[in-house]
Amino acid sequence: MLHKNIAEFGKDNSIQAKSGLGVKLFIVYSVIYAGFVFIGTFYPQMLGLQVLSGLNLAFVYGMGLIVLAGVMGLVYNFLCTRLENKMNKETEA
């Protein structure tokens, strides 16, 4: 049984802008994650420091990375939607 697309997909004029945005966000996250790896590799004793309400740096930094990934995903989705709406409406007019 074959499934057909219900939505019609046209040309997306915002692909390059969205790709560039994704690369920039990836680089930002990679630099922050590299900081975590750097600390864990060269200064592992620092990860045991209590930094927030008795929680150690390893936990706070790790959870921060997880939350940051979710927030960046939401920001990416919001900005991509704005780019699509702006760039695709310009060509329709």
C-alpha atoms as a PDB file:
ATOM      1  CA  MET A   1       0.000   0.000   0.000  1.00  0.00           C
ATOM      2  CA  LEU A   2       1.446   3.374  -0.980  1.00  0.00           C
ATOM      3  CA  HIS A   3       0.924   6.507   1.054  1.00  0.00           C
ATOM      4  CA  LYS A   4       0.467   9.859  -0.583  1.00  0.00           C
ATOM      5  CA  ASN A   5       1.537  13.192   0.861  1.00  0.00           C
ATOM      6  CA  ILE A   6      -1.391  15.266   2.030  1.00  0.00           C
ATOM      7  CA  ALA A   7       0.545  18.524   2.173  1.00  0.00           C
ATOM      8  CA  GLU A   8       1.887  20.116  -0.961  1.00  0.00           C
ATOM      9  CA  PHE A   9       5.554  20.980  -0.837  1.00  0.00           C
ATOM     10  CA  GLY A  10       6.782  23.837  -2.971  1.00  0.00           C
ATOM     11  CA  LYS A  11      10.170  25.417  -3.396  1.00  0.00           C
ATOM     12  CA  ASP A  12      11.763  26.549  -0.135  1.00  0.00           C
ATOM     13  CA  ASN A  13      13.816  29.697  -0.661  1.00  0.00           C
ATOM     14  CA  SER A  14      15.164  29.670   2.883  1.00  0.00           C
ATOM     15  CA  ILE A  15      17.203  26.460   2.732  1.00  0.00           C
ATOM     16  CA  GLN A  16      20.608  28.168   2.620  1.00  0.00           C
ATOM     17  CA  ALA A  17      19.752  30.549   5.455  1.00  0.00           C
ATOM     18  CA  LYS A  18      18.421  27.706   7.610  1.00  0.00           C
ATOM     19  CA  SER A  19      21.497  25.593   6.903  1.00  0.00           C
ATOM     20  CA  GLY A  20      23.787  28.456   7.870  1.00  0.00           C
ATOM     21  CA  LEU A  21      21.835  29.008  11.082  1.00  0.00           C
ATOM     22  CA  GLY A  22      22.086  25.311  11.921  1.00  0.00           C
ATOM     23  CA  VAL A  23      25.844  25.303  11.373  1.00  0.00           C
ATOM     24  CA  LYS A  24      26.277  28.374  13.606  1.00  0.00           C
ATOM     25  CA  LEU A  25      24.237  26.842  16.412  1.00  0.00           C
ATOM     26  CA  PHE A  26      26.162  23.575  16.055  1.00  0.00           C
ATOM     27  CA  ILE A  27      29.472  25.419  16.390  1.00  0.00           C
ATOM     28  CA  VAL A  28      28.266  27.276  19.498  1.00  0.00           C
ATOM     29  CA  TYR A  29      27.128  24.030  21.131  1.00  0.00           C
ATOM     30  CA  SER A  30      30.331  22.241  20.119  1.00  0.00           C
ATOM     31  CA  VAL A  31      32.503  24.914  21.738  1.00  0.00           C
ATOM     32  CA  ILE A  32      30.510  24.723  24.977  1.00  0.00           C
ATOM     33  CA  TYR A  33      30.644  20.914  24.930  1.00  0.00           C
ATOM     34  CA  ALA A  34      34.389  21.023  24.199  1.00  0.00           C
ATOM     35  CA  GLY A  35      34.777  23.065  27.377  1.00  0.00           C
ATOM     36  CA  PHE A  36      33.143  20.234  29.322  1.00  0.00           C
ATOM     37  CA  VAL A  37      35.420  17.656  27.704  1.00  0.00           C
ATOM     38  CA  PHE A  38      38.470  19.856  28.298  1.00  0.00           C
ATOM     39  CA  ILE A  39      37.700  20.190  31.997  1.00  0.00           C
ATOM     40  CA  GLY A  40      37.019  16.474  32.301  1.00  0.00           C
ATOM     41  CA  THR A  41      40.256  15.592  30.533  1.00  0.00           C
ATOM     42  CA  PHE A  42      42.756  18.040  32.003  1.00  0.00           C
ATOM     43  CA  TYR A  43      41.174  19.125  35.306  1.00  0.00           C
ATOM     44  CA  PRO A  44      38.931  16.249  36.434  1.00  0.00           C
ATOM     45  CA  GLN A  45      39.136  17.357  40.066  1.00  0.00           C
ATOM     46  CA  MET A  46      37.223  20.521  39.116  1.00  0.00           C
ATOM     47  CA  LEU A  47      34.177  18.448  38.183  1.00  0.00           C
ATOM     48  CA  GLY A  48      33.827  17.491  41.836  1.00  0.00           C
ATOM     49  CA  LEU A  49      33.556  21.087  43.050  1.00  0.00           C
ATOM     50  CA  GLN A  50      30.222  21.991  44.571  1.00  0.00           C
ATOM     51  CA  VAL A  51      28.853  24.931  42.604  1.00  0.00           C
ATOM     52  CA  LEU A  52      25.086  25.098  43.107  1.00  0.00           C
ATOM     53  CA  SER A  53      23.103  24.002  46.177  1.00  0.00           C
ATOM     54  CA  GLY A  54      25.488  21.150  46.917  1.00  0.00           C
ATOM     55  CA  LEU A  55      25.543  19.896  43.319  1.00  0.00           C
ATOM     56  CA  ASN A  56      28.913  19.350  41.704  1.00  0.00           C
ATOM     57  CA  LEU A  57      30.137  20.970  38.513  1.00  0.00           C
ATOM     58  CA  ALA A  58      29.880  17.737  36.506  1.00  0.00           C
ATOM     59  CA  PHE A  59      26.153  17.444  37.187  1.00  0.00           C
ATOM     60  CA  VAL A  60      25.379  21.129  36.687  1.00  0.00           C
ATOM     61  CA  TYR A  61      27.433  21.382  33.483  1.00  0.00           C
ATOM     62  CA  GLY A  62      26.014  18.119  32.113  1.00  0.00           C
ATOM     63  CA  MET A  63      22.409  19.073  32.824  1.00  0.00           C
ATOM     64  CA  GLY A  64      23.124  22.515  31.431  1.00  0.00           C
ATOM     65  CA  LEU A  65      24.270  20.915  28.182  1.00  0.00           C
ATOM     66  CA  ILE A  66      21.067  18.888  27.962  1.00  0.00           C
ATOM     67  CA  VAL A  67      18.864  21.920  28.646  1.00  0.00           C
ATOM     68  CA  LEU A  68      20.907  24.037  26.236  1.00  0.00           C
ATOM     69  CA  ALA A  69      20.378  21.495  23.450  1.00  0.00           C
ATOM     70  CA  GLY A  70      16.607  21.655  23.976  1.00  0.00           C
ATOM     71  CA  VAL A  71      16.560  25.453  24.091  1.00  0.00           C
ATOM     72  CA  MET A  72      18.721  25.705  20.997  1.00  0.00           C
ATOM     73  CA  GLY A  73      16.378  23.317  19.195  1.00  0.00           C
ATOM     74  CA  LEU A  74      13.397  25.513  20.049  1.00  0.00           C
ATOM     75  CA  VAL A  75      15.270  28.657  18.996  1.00  0.00           C
ATOM     76  CA  TYR A  76      16.283  26.982  15.723  1.00  0.00           C
ATOM     77  CA  ASN A  77      12.683  25.967  15.033  1.00  0.00           C
ATOM     78  CA  PHE A  78      11.395  29.478  15.808  1.00  0.00           C
ATOM     79  CA  LEU A  79      13.994  31.202  13.643  1.00  0.00           C
ATOM     80  CA  CYS A  80      13.564  28.738  10.764  1.00  0.00           C
ATOM     81  CA  THR A  81       9.819  29.293  10.764  1.00  0.00           C
ATOM     82  CA  ARG A  82      10.361  33.054  10.601  1.00  0.00           C
ATOM     83  CA  LEU A  83      12.868  32.631   7.750  1.00  0.00           C
ATOM     84  CA  GLU A  84      10.476  30.381   5.825  1.00  0.00           C
ATOM     85  CA  ASN A  85       7.589  32.772   6.245  1.00  0.00           C
ATOM     86  CA  LYS A  86       9.659  35.798   5.249  1.00  0.00           C
ATOM     87  CA  MET A  87      11.595  34.357   2.323  1.00  0.00           C
ATOM     88  CA  ASN A  88       8.814  32.293   0.799  1.00  0.00           C
ATOM     89  CA  LYS A  89       6.239  35.119   0.975  1.00  0.00           C
ATOM     90  CA  GLU A  90       8.635  37.474  -0.805  1.00  0.00           C
ATOM     91  CA  THR A  91       8.667  35.216  -3.874  1.00  0.00           C
ATOM     92  CA  GLU A  92       4.892  34.715  -3.847  1.00  0.00           C
ATOM     93  CA  ALA A  93       4.260  38.475  -4.019  1.00  0.00           C
END
